[in-house]
Amino acid sequence: MRTKGMGLLMAGGLILSGCAGLDDTSQRTLTGAAGGAAVGGILGSFSGDTALGAVLGAGVGGVGGYLYDQSQQPRYDSRRPPPRRDYRRRY
């Protein structure tokens, strides 16, 4: 029993450490998918099919996380550089 718990702990640590080098889009998509899978699994357990609920929830959550990331991206014209901000105080 103790070995199984240690194995699960190590597997969880490896999974979480694999997410360290992701860009913002990938992180938000993965977070949405994980949250969707959790909620979908809980809701699916009420209807008797937890796995289907988790899969559908992960898909919807992943799409939602990606769309959220795209809505947070700055909208710049690719032909012009982004505007500079001058943070000096002017009197």
PDB file of N, CA and C in Angstrom:
ATOM      1  N   MET A   1       0.827  -1.189   0.000  1.00  0.00           N
ATOM      2  CA  MET A   1       0.000   0.000   0.000  1.00  0.00           C
ATOM      3  C   MET A   1       0.872   1.254   0.000  1.00  0.00           C
ATOM      4  N   ARG A   2       1.928   1.222   0.796  1.00  0.00           N
ATOM      5  CA  ARG A   2       2.801   2.379   0.887  1.00  0.00           C
ATOM      6  C   ARG A   2       3.551   2.615  -0.424  1.00  0.00           C
ATOM      7  N   THR A   3       3.919   1.543  -1.108  1.00  0.00           N
ATOM      8  CA  THR A   3       4.631   1.662  -2.372  1.00  0.00           C
ATOM      9  C   THR A   3       3.727   2.266  -3.446  1.00  0.00           C
ATOM     10  N   LYS A   4       2.460   1.885  -3.431  1.00  0.00           N
ATOM     11  CA  LYS A   4       1.520   2.433  -4.411  1.00  0.00           C
ATOM     12  C   LYS A   4       1.346   3.935  -4.211  1.00  0.00           C
ATOM     13  N   GLY A   5       1.250   4.371  -2.971  1.00  0.00           N
ATOM     14  CA  GLY A   5       1.112   5.801  -2.678  1.00  0.00           C
ATOM     15  C   GLY A   5       2.342   6.580  -3.098  1.00  0.00           C
ATOM     16  N   MET A   6       3.512   6.018  -2.866  1.00  0.00           N
ATOM     17  CA  MET A   6       4.746   6.679  -3.260  1.00  0.00           C
ATOM     18  C   MET A   6       4.845   6.761  -4.778  1.00  0.00           C
ATOM     19  N   GLY A   7       4.413   5.717  -5.467  1.00  0.00           N
ATOM     20  CA  GLY A   7       4.422   5.729  -6.931  1.00  0.00           C
ATOM     21  C   GLY A   7       3.480   6.781  -7.491  1.00  0.00           C
ATOM     22  N   LEU A   8       2.295   6.908  -6.901  1.00  0.00           N
ATOM     23  CA  LEU A   8       1.355   7.940  -7.337  1.00  0.00           C
ATOM     24  C   LEU A   8       1.899   9.340  -7.080  1.00  0.00           C
ATOM     25  N   LEU A   9       2.561   9.514  -5.940  1.00  0.00           N
ATOM     26  CA  LEU A   9       3.149  10.804  -5.618  1.00  0.00           C
ATOM     27  C   LEU A   9       4.250  11.174  -6.615  1.00  0.00           C
ATOM     28  N   MET A  10       5.090  10.214  -6.960  1.00  0.00           N
ATOM     29  CA  MET A  10       6.159  10.473  -7.913  1.00  0.00           C
ATOM     30  C   MET A  10       5.602  10.739  -9.312  1.00  0.00           C
ATOM     31  N   ALA A  11       4.576   9.994  -9.704  1.00  0.00           N
ATOM     32  CA  ALA A  11       3.964  10.216 -11.020  1.00  0.00           C
ATOM     33  C   ALA A  11       3.343  11.608 -11.089  1.00  0.00           C
ATOM     34  N   GLY A  12       2.681  12.031 -10.023  1.00  0.00           N
ATOM     35  CA  GLY A  12       2.112  13.376  -9.990  1.00  0.00           C
ATOM     36  C   GLY A  12       3.175  14.447 -10.082  1.00  0.00           C
ATOM     37  N   GLY A  13       4.287  14.239  -9.402  1.00  0.00           N
ATOM     38  CA  GLY A  13       5.390  15.200  -9.473  1.00  0.00           C
ATOM     39  C   GLY A  13       5.988  15.293 -10.867  1.00  0.00           C
ATOM     40  N   LEU A  14       6.126  14.146 -11.538  1.00  0.00           N
ATOM     41  CA  LEU A  14       6.651  14.158 -12.903  1.00  0.00           C
ATOM     42  C   LEU A  14       5.696  14.856 -13.865  1.00  0.00           C
ATOM     43  N   ILE A  15       4.410  14.625 -13.685  1.00  0.00           N
ATOM     44  CA  ILE A  15       3.426  15.275 -14.559  1.00  0.00           C
ATOM     45  C   ILE A  15       3.461  16.780 -14.360  1.00  0.00           C
ATOM     46  N   LEU A  16       3.512  17.226 -13.119  1.00  0.00           N
ATOM     47  CA  LEU A  16       3.533  18.666 -12.857  1.00  0.00           C
ATOM     48  C   LEU A  16       4.832  19.311 -13.306  1.00  0.00           C
ATOM     49  N   SER A  17       5.944  18.622 -13.181  1.00  0.00           N
ATOM     50  CA  SER A  17       7.210  19.212 -13.615  1.00  0.00           C
ATOM     51  C   SER A  17       7.297  19.304 -15.136  1.00  0.00           C
ATOM     52  N   GLY A  18       6.544  18.498 -15.848  1.00  0.00           N
ATOM     53  CA  GLY A  18       6.526  18.570 -17.298  1.00  0.00           C
ATOM     54  C   GLY A  18       5.817  19.811 -17.814  1.00  0.00           C
ATOM     55  N   CYS A  19       5.054  20.473 -16.960  1.00  0.00           N
ATOM     56  CA  CYS A  19       4.307  21.669 -17.368  1.00  0.00           C
ATOM     57  C   CYS A  19       5.102  22.950 -17.155  1.00  0.00           C
ATOM     58  N   ALA A  20       6.336  22.872 -16.716  1.00  0.00           N
ATOM     59  CA  ALA A  20       7.088  24.066 -16.344  1.00  0.00           C
ATOM     60  C   ALA A  20       7.509  24.912 -17.537  1.00  0.00           C
ATOM     61  N   GLY A  21       7.799  24.330 -18.671  1.00  0.00           N
ATOM     62  CA  GLY A  21       8.325  25.089 -19.790  1.00  0.00           C
ATOM     63  C   GLY A  21       7.293  25.489 -20.828  1.00  0.00           C
ATOM     64  N   LEU A  22       6.024  25.441 -20.485  1.00  0.00           N
ATOM     65  CA  LEU A  22       4.984  25.762 -21.460  1.00  0.00           C
ATOM     66  C   LEU A  22       4.804  27.267 -21.604  1.00  0.00           C
ATOM     67  N   ASP A  23       4.387  27.689 -22.791  1.00  0.00           N
ATOM     68  CA  ASP A  23       4.074  29.102 -22.981  1.00  0.00           C
ATOM     69  C   ASP A  23       2.676  29.389 -22.409  1.00  0.00           C
ATOM     70  N   ASP A  24       2.284  30.655 -22.420  1.00  0.00           N
ATOM     71  CA  ASP A  24       1.012  31.048 -21.808  1.00  0.00           C
ATOM     72  C   ASP A  24      -0.176  30.357 -22.450  1.00  0.00           C
ATOM     73  N   THR A  25      -0.185  30.233 -23.762  1.00  0.00           N
ATOM     74  CA  THR A  25      -1.310  29.594 -24.451  1.00  0.00           C
ATOM     75  C   THR A  25      -1.444  28.144 -24.034  1.00  0.00           C
ATOM     76  N   SER A  26      -0.343  27.435 -23.988  1.00  0.00           N
ATOM     77  CA  SER A  26      -0.379  26.024 -23.605  1.00  0.00           C
ATOM     78  C   SER A  26      -0.793  25.854 -22.155  1.00  0.00           C
ATOM     79  N   GLN A  27      -0.310  26.723 -21.281  1.00  0.00           N
ATOM     80  CA  GLN A  27      -0.677  26.624 -19.872  1.00  0.00           C
ATOM     81  C   GLN A  27      -2.164  26.871 -19.670  1.00  0.00           C
ATOM     82  N   ARG A  28      -2.700  27.883 -20.332  1.00  0.00           N
ATOM     83  CA  ARG A  28      -4.128  28.171 -20.165  1.00  0.00           C
ATOM     84  C   ARG A  28      -4.994  27.077 -20.766  1.00  0.00           C
ATOM     85  N   THR A  29      -4.568  26.504 -21.888  1.00  0.00           N
ATOM     86  CA  THR A  29      -5.322  25.413 -22.493  1.00  0.00           C
ATOM     87  C   THR A  29      -5.285  24.185 -21.595  1.00  0.00           C
ATOM     88  N   LEU A  30      -4.122  23.863 -21.056  1.00  0.00           N
ATOM     89  CA  LEU A  30      -3.984  22.709 -20.173  1.00  0.00           C
ATOM     90  C   LEU A  30      -4.763  22.898 -18.882  1.00  0.00           C
ATOM     91  N   THR A  31      -4.730  24.098 -18.325  1.00  0.00           N
ATOM     92  CA  THR A  31      -5.483  24.371 -17.103  1.00  0.00           C
ATOM     93  C   THR A  31      -6.984  24.238 -17.357  1.00  0.00           C
ATOM     94  N   GLY A  32      -7.443  24.753 -18.488  1.00  0.00           N
ATOM     95  CA  GLY A  32      -8.856  24.614 -18.832  1.00  0.00           C
ATOM     96  C   GLY A  32      -9.253  23.160 -19.015  1.00  0.00           C
ATOM     97  N   ALA A  33      -8.391  22.380 -19.665  1.00  0.00           N
ATOM     98  CA  ALA A  33      -8.685  20.967 -19.883  1.00  0.00           C
ATOM     99  C   ALA A  33      -8.714  20.196 -18.562  1.00  0.00           C
ATOM    100  N   ALA A  34      -7.786  20.490 -17.670  1.00  0.00           N
ATOM    101  CA  ALA A  34      -7.758  19.793 -16.378  1.00  0.00           C
ATOM    102  C   ALA A  34      -8.982  20.143 -15.538  1.00  0.00           C
ATOM    103  N   GLY A  35      -9.312  21.420 -15.499  1.00  0.00           N
ATOM    104  CA  GLY A  35     -10.509  21.829 -14.746  1.00  0.00           C
ATOM    105  C   GLY A  35     -11.774  21.260 -15.350  1.00  0.00           C
ATOM    106  N   GLY A  36     -11.854  21.262 -16.680  1.00  0.00           N
ATOM    107  CA  GLY A  36     -13.018  20.695 -17.352  1.00  0.00           C
ATOM    108  C   GLY A  36     -13.143  19.207 -17.114  1.00  0.00           C
ATOM    109  N   ALA A  37     -12.025  18.499 -17.102  1.00  0.00           N
ATOM    110  CA  ALA A  37     -12.056  17.062 -16.840  1.00  0.00           C
ATOM    111  C   ALA A  37     -12.540  16.769 -15.421  1.00  0.00           C
ATOM    112  N   ALA A  38     -12.109  17.580 -14.470  1.00  0.00           N
ATOM    113  CA  ALA A  38     -12.547  17.374 -13.087  1.00  0.00           C
ATOM    114  C   ALA A  38     -14.043  17.617 -12.950  1.00  0.00           C
ATOM    115  N   VAL A  39     -14.507  18.738 -13.481  1.00  0.00           N
ATOM    116  CA  VAL A  39     -15.940  19.049 -13.389  1.00  0.00           C
ATOM    117  C   VAL A  39     -16.757  18.042 -14.199  1.00  0.00           C
ATOM    118  N   GLY A  40     -16.278  17.696 -15.392  1.00  0.00           N
ATOM    119  CA  GLY A  40     -16.985  16.712 -16.210  1.00  0.00           C
ATOM    120  C   GLY A  40     -17.044  15.345 -15.560  1.00  0.00           C
ATOM    121  N   GLY A  41     -15.987  14.950 -14.879  1.00  0.00           N
ATOM    122  CA  GLY A  41     -15.997  13.680 -14.165  1.00  0.00           C
ATOM    123  C   GLY A  41     -16.990  13.667 -13.025  1.00  0.00           C
ATOM    124  N   ILE A  42     -17.066  14.792 -12.312  1.00  0.00           N
ATOM    125  CA  ILE A  42     -18.030  14.876 -11.210  1.00  0.00           C
ATOM    126  C   ILE A  42     -19.458  14.840 -11.747  1.00  0.00           C
ATOM    127  N   LEU A  43     -19.720  15.639 -12.777  1.00  0.00           N
ATOM    128  CA  LEU A  43     -21.068  15.653 -13.350  1.00  0.00           C
ATOM    129  C   LEU A  43     -21.411  14.323 -14.022  1.00  0.00           C
ATOM    130  N   GLY A  44     -20.424  13.694 -14.652  1.00  0.00           N
ATOM    131  CA  GLY A  44     -20.661  12.405 -15.283  1.00  0.00           C
ATOM    132  C   GLY A  44     -20.939  11.298 -14.288  1.00  0.00           C
ATOM    133  N   SER A  45     -20.422  11.434 -13.078  1.00  0.00           N
ATOM    134  CA  SER A  45     -20.680  10.403 -12.067  1.00  0.00           C
ATOM    135  C   SER A  45     -22.147  10.377 -11.652  1.00  0.00           C
ATOM    136  N   PHE A  46     -22.833  11.501 -11.798  1.00  0.00           N
ATOM    137  CA  PHE A  46     -24.258  11.529 -11.461  1.00  0.00           C
ATOM    138  C   PHE A  46     -25.094  10.762 -12.491  1.00  0.00           C
ATOM    139  N   SER A  47     -24.634  10.738 -13.730  1.00  0.00           N
ATOM    140  CA  SER A  47     -25.377  10.018 -14.764  1.00  0.00           C
ATOM    141  C   SER A  47     -24.874   8.584 -14.940  1.00  0.00           C
ATOM    142  N   GLY A  48     -23.809   8.227 -14.251  1.00  0.00           N
ATOM    143  CA  GLY A  48     -23.320   6.859 -14.293  1.00  0.00           C
ATOM    144  C   GLY A  48     -22.157   6.627 -15.243  1.00  0.00           C
ATOM    145  N   ASP A  49     -21.674   7.651 -15.937  1.00  0.00           N
ATOM    146  CA  ASP A  49     -20.548   7.471 -16.853  1.00  0.00           C
ATOM    147  C   ASP A  49     -19.497   8.541 -16.582  1.00  0.00           C
ATOM    148  N   THR A  50     -18.658   8.284 -15.598  1.00  0.00           N
ATOM    149  CA  THR A  50     -17.652   9.250 -15.170  1.00  0.00           C
ATOM    150  C   THR A  50     -16.611   9.506 -16.258  1.00  0.00           C
ATOM    151  N   ALA A  51     -16.179   8.458 -16.945  1.00  0.00           N
ATOM    152  CA  ALA A  51     -15.128   8.608 -17.954  1.00  0.00           C
ATOM    153  C   ALA A  51     -15.604   9.481 -19.114  1.00  0.00           C
ATOM    154  N   LEU A  52     -16.822   9.256 -19.581  1.00  0.00           N
ATOM    155  CA  LEU A  52     -17.339  10.070 -20.684  1.00  0.00           C
ATOM    156  C   LEU A  52     -17.472  11.528 -20.260  1.00  0.00           C
ATOM    157  N   GLY A  53     -17.931  11.767 -19.046  1.00  0.00           N
ATOM    158  CA  GLY A  53     -18.032  13.139 -18.545  1.00  0.00           C
ATOM    159  C   GLY A  53     -16.677  13.810 -18.459  1.00  0.00           C
ATOM    160  N   ALA A  54     -15.660  13.061 -18.021  1.00  0.00           N
ATOM    161  CA  ALA A  54     -14.316  13.629 -17.910  1.00  0.00           C
ATOM    162  C   ALA A  54     -13.733  13.946 -19.285  1.00  0.00           C
ATOM    163  N   VAL A  55     -13.943  13.071 -20.255  1.00  0.00           N
ATOM    164  CA  VAL A  55     -13.422  13.307 -21.601  1.00  0.00           C
ATOM    165  C   VAL A  55     -14.107  14.513 -22.234  1.00  0.00           C
ATOM    166  N   LEU A  56     -15.428  14.567 -22.141  1.00  0.00           N
ATOM    167  CA  LEU A  56     -16.155  15.709 -22.701  1.00  0.00           C
ATOM    168  C   LEU A  56     -15.789  17.005 -21.977  1.00  0.00           C
ATOM    169  N   GLY A  57     -15.655  16.944 -20.664  1.00  0.00           N
ATOM    170  CA  GLY A  57     -15.274  18.120 -19.890  1.00  0.00           C
ATOM    171  C   GLY A  57     -13.877  18.613 -20.244  1.00  0.00           C
ATOM    172  N   ALA A  58     -12.956  17.680 -20.477  1.00  0.00           N
ATOM    173  CA  ALA A  58     -11.594  18.064 -20.854  1.00  0.00           C
ATOM    174  C   ALA A  58     -11.589  18.760 -22.214  1.00  0.00           C
ATOM    175  N   GLY A  59     -12.387  18.255 -23.139  1.00  0.00           N
ATOM    176  CA  GLY A  59     -12.466  18.892 -24.451  1.00  0.00           C
ATOM    177  C   GLY A  59     -13.038  20.294 -24.382  1.00  0.00           C
ATOM    178  N   VAL A  60     -14.142  20.422 -23.671  1.00  0.00           N
ATOM    179  CA  VAL A  60     -14.772  21.741 -23.540  1.00  0.00           C
ATOM    180  C   VAL A  60     -13.875  22.692 -22.758  1.00  0.00           C
ATOM    181  N   GLY A  61     -13.249  22.210 -21.686  1.00  0.00           N
ATOM    182  CA  GLY A  61     -12.352  23.051 -20.894  1.00  0.00           C
ATOM    183  C   GLY A  61     -11.116  23.479 -21.665  1.00  0.00           C
ATOM    184  N   GLY A  62     -10.564  22.577 -22.470  1.00  0.00           N
ATOM    185  CA  GLY A  62      -9.401  22.923 -23.283  1.00  0.00           C
ATOM    186  C   GLY A  62      -9.718  23.993 -24.309  1.00  0.00           C
ATOM    187  N   VAL A  63     -10.861  23.855 -24.969  1.00  0.00           N
ATOM    188  CA  VAL A  63     -11.280  24.872 -25.937  1.00  0.00           C
ATOM    189  C   VAL A  63     -11.537  26.196 -25.227  1.00  0.00           C
ATOM    190  N   GLY A  64     -12.176  26.121 -24.060  1.00  0.00           N
ATOM    191  CA  GLY A  64     -12.433  27.341 -23.292  1.00  0.00           C
ATOM    192  C   GLY A  64     -11.153  28.027 -22.851  1.00  0.00           C
ATOM    193  N   GLY A  65     -10.169  27.255 -22.404  1.00  0.00           N
ATOM    194  CA  GLY A  65      -8.886  27.834 -22.006  1.00  0.00           C
ATOM    195  C   GLY A  65      -8.160  28.469 -23.174  1.00  0.00           C
ATOM    196  N   TYR A  66      -8.235  27.832 -24.331  1.00  0.00           N
ATOM    197  CA  TYR A  66      -7.591  28.406 -25.523  1.00  0.00           C
ATOM    198  C   TYR A  66      -8.276  29.702 -25.946  1.00  0.00           C
ATOM    199  N   LEU A  67      -9.609  29.703 -25.946  1.00  0.00           N
ATOM    200  CA  LEU A  67     -10.338  30.913 -26.325  1.00  0.00           C
ATOM    201  C   LEU A  67     -10.094  32.049 -25.334  1.00  0.00           C
ATOM    202  N   TYR A  68      -9.984  31.702 -24.056  1.00  0.00           N
ATOM    203  CA  TYR A  68      -9.672  32.725 -23.062  1.00  0.00           C
ATOM    204  C   TYR A  68      -8.291  33.315 -23.325  1.00  0.00           C
ATOM    205  N   ASP A  69      -7.333  32.458 -23.638  1.00  0.00           N
ATOM    206  CA  ASP A  69      -5.986  32.956 -23.922  1.00  0.00           C
ATOM    207  C   ASP A  69      -5.998  33.876 -25.135  1.00  0.00           C
ATOM    208  N   GLN A  70      -6.718  33.503 -26.170  1.00  0.00           N
ATOM    209  CA  GLN A  70      -6.759  34.334 -27.367  1.00  0.00           C
ATOM    210  C   GLN A  70      -7.426  35.679 -27.091  1.00  0.00           C
ATOM    211  N   SER A  71      -8.373  35.716 -26.173  1.00  0.00           N
ATOM    212  CA  SER A  71      -9.023  36.988 -25.846  1.00  0.00           C
ATOM    213  C   SER A  71      -8.109  37.886 -25.015  1.00  0.00           C
ATOM    214  N   GLN A  72      -7.102  37.307 -24.381  1.00  0.00           N
ATOM    215  CA  GLN A  72      -6.185  38.091 -23.562  1.00  0.00           C
ATOM    216  C   GLN A  72      -4.956  38.561 -24.328  1.00  0.00           C
ATOM    217  N   GLN A  73      -4.780  38.116 -25.551  1.00  0.00           N
ATOM    218  CA  GLN A  73      -3.630  38.515 -26.357  1.00  0.00           C
ATOM    219  C   GLN A  73      -3.802  39.966 -26.804  1.00  0.00           C
ATOM    220  N   PRO A  74      -2.728  40.748 -26.773  1.00  0.00           N
ATOM    221  CA  PRO A  74      -2.829  42.125 -27.271  1.00  0.00           C
ATOM    222  C   PRO A  74      -3.072  42.131 -28.776  1.00  0.00           C
ATOM    223  N   ARG A  75      -3.827  43.077 -29.217  1.00  0.00           N
ATOM    224  CA  ARG A  75      -4.174  43.173 -30.638  1.00  0.00           C
ATOM    225  C   ARG A  75      -3.294  44.227 -31.306  1.00  0.00           C
ATOM    226  N   TYR A  76      -2.220  43.782 -31.923  1.00  0.00           N
ATOM    227  CA  TYR A  76      -1.307  44.681 -32.617  1.00  0.00           C
ATOM    228  C   TYR A  76      -1.309  44.328 -34.098  1.00  0.00           C
ATOM    229  N   ASP A  77      -1.102  45.337 -34.899  1.00  0.00           N
ATOM    230  CA  ASP A  77      -0.928  45.118 -36.326  1.00  0.00           C
ATOM    231  C   ASP A  77       0.466  44.519 -36.522  1.00  0.00           C
ATOM    232  N   SER A  78       0.562  43.430 -37.243  1.00  0.00           N
ATOM    233  CA  SER A  78       1.846  42.747 -37.377  1.00  0.00           C
ATOM    234  C   SER A  78       2.839  43.553 -38.212  1.00  0.00           C
ATOM    235  N   ARG A  79       2.371  44.540 -38.957  1.00  0.00           N
ATOM    236  CA  ARG A  79       3.278  45.334 -39.779  1.00  0.00           C
ATOM    237  C   ARG A  79       3.928  46.457 -38.991  1.00  0.00           C
ATOM    238  N   ARG A  80       3.362  46.797 -37.842  1.00  0.00           N
ATOM    239  CA  ARG A  80       3.923  47.885 -37.026  1.00  0.00           C
ATOM    240  C   ARG A  80       4.328  47.335 -35.661  1.00  0.00           C
ATOM    241  N   PRO A  81       5.385  47.857 -35.087  1.00  0.00           N
ATOM    242  CA  PRO A  81       5.772  47.404 -33.745  1.00  0.00           C
ATOM    243  C   PRO A  81       4.752  47.900 -32.715  1.00  0.00           C
ATOM    244  N   PRO A  82       4.671  47.240 -31.561  1.00  0.00           N
ATOM    245  CA  PRO A  82       3.736  47.685 -30.526  1.00  0.00           C
ATOM    246  C   PRO A  82       4.113  49.074 -30.016  1.00  0.00           C
ATOM    247  N   PRO A  83       3.148  49.841 -29.538  1.00  0.00           N
ATOM    248  CA  PRO A  83       3.457  51.190 -29.067  1.00  0.00           C
ATOM    249  C   PRO A  83       4.357  51.158 -27.836  1.00  0.00           C
ATOM    250  N   ARG A  84       5.221  52.150 -27.741  1.00  0.00           N
ATOM    251  CA  ARG A  84       6.105  52.266 -26.579  1.00  0.00           C
ATOM    252  C   ARG A  84       5.392  53.026 -25.497  1.00  0.00           C
ATOM    253  N   ARG A  85       5.641  52.635 -24.294  1.00  0.00           N
ATOM    254  CA  ARG A  85       5.057  53.338 -23.164  1.00  0.00           C
ATOM    255  C   ARG A  85       6.160  54.060 -22.423  1.00  0.00           C
ATOM    256  N   ASP A  86       5.908  55.296 -22.135  1.00  0.00           N
ATOM    257  CA  ASP A  86       6.874  56.116 -21.416  1.00  0.00           C
ATOM    258  C   ASP A  86       6.371  56.252 -19.991  1.00  0.00           C
ATOM    259  N   TYR A  87       7.080  55.629 -19.055  1.00  0.00           N
ATOM    260  CA  TYR A  87       6.633  55.611 -17.673  1.00  0.00           C
ATOM    261  C   TYR A  87       7.224  56.751 -16.833  1.00  0.00           C
ATOM    262  N   ARG A  88       7.967  57.630 -17.484  1.00  0.00           N
ATOM    263  CA  ARG A  88       8.522  58.766 -16.725  1.00  0.00           C
ATOM    264  C   ARG A  88       7.413  59.725 -16.374  1.00  0.00           C
ATOM    265  N   ARG A  89       7.537  60.342 -15.247  1.00  0.00           N
ATOM    266  CA  ARG A  89       6.548  61.337 -14.843  1.00  0.00           C
ATOM    267  C   ARG A  89       6.781  62.631 -15.560  1.00  0.00           C
ATOM    268  N   ARG A  90       5.732  63.191 -16.026  1.00  0.00           N
ATOM    269  CA  ARG A  90       5.828  64.485 -16.721  1.00  0.00           C
ATOM    270  C   ARG A  90       5.108  65.520 -15.900  1.00  0.00           C
ATOM    271  N   TYR A  91       5.738  66.692 -15.783  1.00  0.00           N
ATOM    272  CA  TYR A  91       5.136  67.771 -14.990  1.00  0.00           C
ATOM    273  C   TYR A  91       4.582  68.833 -15.891  1.00  0.00           C
TER     274      TYR A  91
END
